[in-house]
Structure formats: structure tokens, C-alpha cells
Amino acid sequence: MRPSTNKQPGRAIKKVSHSNRRQTERVPTQFSLMYTGMHDGQMLIGNGFVRNVSEAGIGIRGNHLVKLGMDLSLHIDLPGVAESVCIAECRVSWVSGHRFGVEMITPSELRFYVWNHLFRPSNRNLRTR
């Protein structure tokens, strides 16, 4: 089978690039978390793990399904931090079964933690604790 070609004069073949939406590096992690939100008038409370973090978002694997566009609050347990970090305003930006991503609407302590602890070469081993 031969691949088809575009032989019409004056028409160029346009290659589509599927670029990553992320402007910054995604940092793999495994922190436990609890997430809460409202869905159809019912309170949703789930547990899971932060799988990765970027400057504006978080990849999560949770035990309860969420819907695209839902607003969630997150409570994340970070190594070396006594109390869980609360991210009060997040919005679900993608969903794939029990995996989903959230966009952080407001700045949080998590951004400070990630960029000041996880990116330092001496602290790279903290990512999976």
C-alpha cells in the first residue's frame, strides 16, 4: 500500500503540531492528598496522589471520579511540612478515568515548595517520599 500524496498544484501539505500546553516543566511526585468539591448538589470527598506538578497545575490520581470544569479544594501532605497544604481554588482541566489534572486558580504554598525544594539538585530525592 502506497501512502497518498497531495498532487494538487498550489496546495501545500500542512503538518499539525500537537504541542504541550505546559509552559514549564512537569515535576513527577507522589504526595498523598484529599480533594473536595460539589457535583450535582452533592459533596464529593476523595483521596489520592499528586503524580506531577507544573507551575500552574497538578496531575492527580484519585479514588473518586471528577468532571471537567469542577471546582475543587486540595489538601496535600508534603514531606517536611507539619500541616497539609491547602489549595482552596482549583479547576479540573482534563479527566481520564481516575486520573485528572487541575489548574491552580490562586497562588499557593505548593508552588513555593515545588520550585524551591524539588528543583534543587540536592533535593531531587524528595519527589517520591
Protein backbone atom coordinates (compact mmCIF):
# COMPACT_ATOMS: atom_id res chain seq x y z
CA MET A 1 0.00 0.00 0.00
CA ARG A 2 1.44 3.37 -1.03
CA PRO A 3 0.92 6.49 1.06
CA SER A 4 -1.33 9.08 -0.55
CA THR A 5 0.21 12.34 -1.69
CA ASN A 6 -1.24 15.75 -2.39
CA LYS A 7 -0.59 16.43 -6.10
CA GLN A 8 -2.80 19.50 -6.48
CA PRO A 9 -0.73 22.49 -7.61
CA GLY A 10 -0.55 25.41 -5.19
CA ARG A 11 -1.70 23.39 -2.17
CA ALA A 12 0.84 22.68 0.50
CA ILE A 13 0.52 19.84 2.94
CA LYS A 14 0.19 21.29 6.40
CA LYS A 15 1.72 19.36 9.27
CA VAL A 16 -0.18 19.65 12.53
CA SER A 17 1.93 20.00 15.65
CA HIS A 18 0.49 18.73 18.91
CA SER A 19 2.49 20.90 21.26
CA ASN A 20 2.36 20.62 25.02
CA ARG A 21 0.17 23.30 26.64
CA ARG A 22 2.58 23.48 29.58
CA GLN A 23 4.93 26.44 29.59
CA THR A 24 7.08 24.93 32.38
CA GLU A 25 8.50 21.54 33.31
CA ARG A 26 6.25 18.91 34.86
CA VAL A 27 7.83 17.53 38.06
CA PRO A 28 7.00 13.88 38.88
CA THR A 29 5.96 13.45 42.51
CA GLN A 30 3.96 11.17 44.77
CA PHE A 31 2.34 13.12 47.60
CA SER A 32 -0.91 12.00 49.21
CA LEU A 33 -3.87 14.35 49.08
CA MET A 34 -7.54 14.79 49.82
CA TYR A 35 -9.80 16.69 47.40
CA THR A 36 -13.26 18.12 47.93
CA GLY A 37 -15.84 19.73 45.70
CA MET A 38 -19.52 19.87 44.77
CA HIS A 39 -21.12 17.84 41.99
CA ASP A 40 -24.84 17.86 41.21
CA GLY A 41 -25.57 19.31 44.65
CA GLN A 42 -23.63 16.55 46.40
CA MET A 43 -20.38 16.95 48.32
CA LEU A 44 -17.51 14.97 46.79
CA ILE A 45 -14.62 13.92 49.04
CA GLY A 46 -11.79 11.92 47.52
CA ASN A 47 -8.30 10.71 48.33
CA GLY A 48 -5.41 10.14 46.01
CA PHE A 49 -1.89 11.03 45.00
CA VAL A 50 -0.30 14.02 43.33
CA ARG A 51 1.52 12.41 40.38
CA ASN A 52 3.14 15.54 38.94
CA VAL A 53 3.23 19.30 39.38
CA SER A 54 3.85 22.14 36.97
CA GLU A 55 3.89 25.84 37.77
CA ALA A 56 0.16 26.24 37.16
CA GLY A 57 -1.25 22.73 37.51
CA ILE A 58 -1.26 19.38 39.22
CA GLY A 59 -1.71 15.84 37.88
CA ILE A 60 -3.70 13.64 40.25
CA ARG A 61 -4.82 10.01 40.54
CA GLY A 62 -7.89 9.85 42.77
CA ASN A 63 -10.31 7.30 44.15
CA HIS A 64 -13.45 9.26 43.11
CA LEU A 65 -14.27 10.39 39.59
CA VAL A 66 -14.45 14.12 38.85
CA LYS A 67 -15.94 16.09 35.98
CA LEU A 68 -14.25 18.50 33.60
CA GLY A 69 -14.66 22.07 34.86
CA MET A 70 -15.38 21.13 38.50
CA ASP A 71 -14.00 23.41 41.18
CA LEU A 72 -12.01 21.55 43.84
CA SER A 73 -10.10 22.29 47.01
CA LEU A 74 -6.98 20.23 47.66
CA HIS A 75 -5.23 19.30 50.91
CA ILE A 76 -1.75 17.97 50.11
CA ASP A 77 0.67 16.28 52.52
CA LEU A 78 4.22 17.44 51.77
CA PRO A 79 7.41 15.95 53.24
CA GLY A 80 8.88 18.17 55.94
CA VAL A 81 5.74 20.30 56.28
CA ALA A 82 3.81 19.80 59.55
CA GLU A 83 0.31 20.64 58.25
CA SER A 84 -1.18 19.77 54.90
CA VAL A 85 -1.04 22.49 52.28
CA CYS A 86 -4.49 23.74 51.28
CA ILE A 87 -5.10 24.89 47.74
CA ALA A 88 -8.55 26.42 48.03
CA GLU A 89 -9.25 27.10 44.36
CA CYS A 90 -8.52 24.60 41.60
CA ARG A 91 -10.43 23.74 38.44
CA VAL A 92 -10.40 20.34 36.73
CA SER A 93 -8.80 20.88 33.31
CA TRP A 94 -8.73 17.29 31.98
CA VAL A 95 -10.05 13.87 33.02
CA SER A 96 -9.06 10.32 32.03
CA GLY A 97 -10.80 7.83 34.32
CA HIS A 98 -9.34 8.18 37.80
CA ARG A 99 -6.52 10.41 36.53
CA PHE A 100 -7.17 14.13 36.18
CA GLY A 101 -5.45 17.46 36.08
CA VAL A 102 -6.30 20.66 37.90
CA GLU A 103 -5.32 24.24 37.24
CA MET A 104 -4.43 26.22 40.36
CA ILE A 105 -6.59 29.34 40.27
CA THR A 106 -4.83 31.11 43.14
CA PRO A 107 -1.13 31.00 44.05
CA SER A 108 -0.34 28.50 46.78
CA GLU A 109 2.34 27.33 49.15
CA LEU A 110 2.72 24.29 46.88
CA ARG A 111 4.28 26.42 44.12
CA PHE A 112 6.82 27.76 46.61
CA TYR A 113 7.57 24.24 47.85
CA VAL A 114 7.98 22.78 44.35
CA TRP A 115 10.16 25.49 42.89
CA ASN A 116 12.32 25.98 46.00
CA HIS A 117 12.70 22.36 47.11
CA LEU A 118 12.14 19.94 44.26
CA PHE A 119 14.20 21.74 41.61
CA ARG A 120 17.32 21.98 43.77
CA PRO A 121 19.65 19.12 42.73
CA SER A 122 20.28 18.16 46.36
CA ASN A 123 16.53 17.72 46.93
CA ARG A 124 15.55 15.68 43.88
CA ASN A 125 15.17 12.59 46.12
CA LEU A 126 12.19 14.27 47.90
CA ARG A 127 9.98 13.76 44.84
CA THR A 128 8.86 10.28 45.77
CA ARG A 129 8.64 10.39 49.52
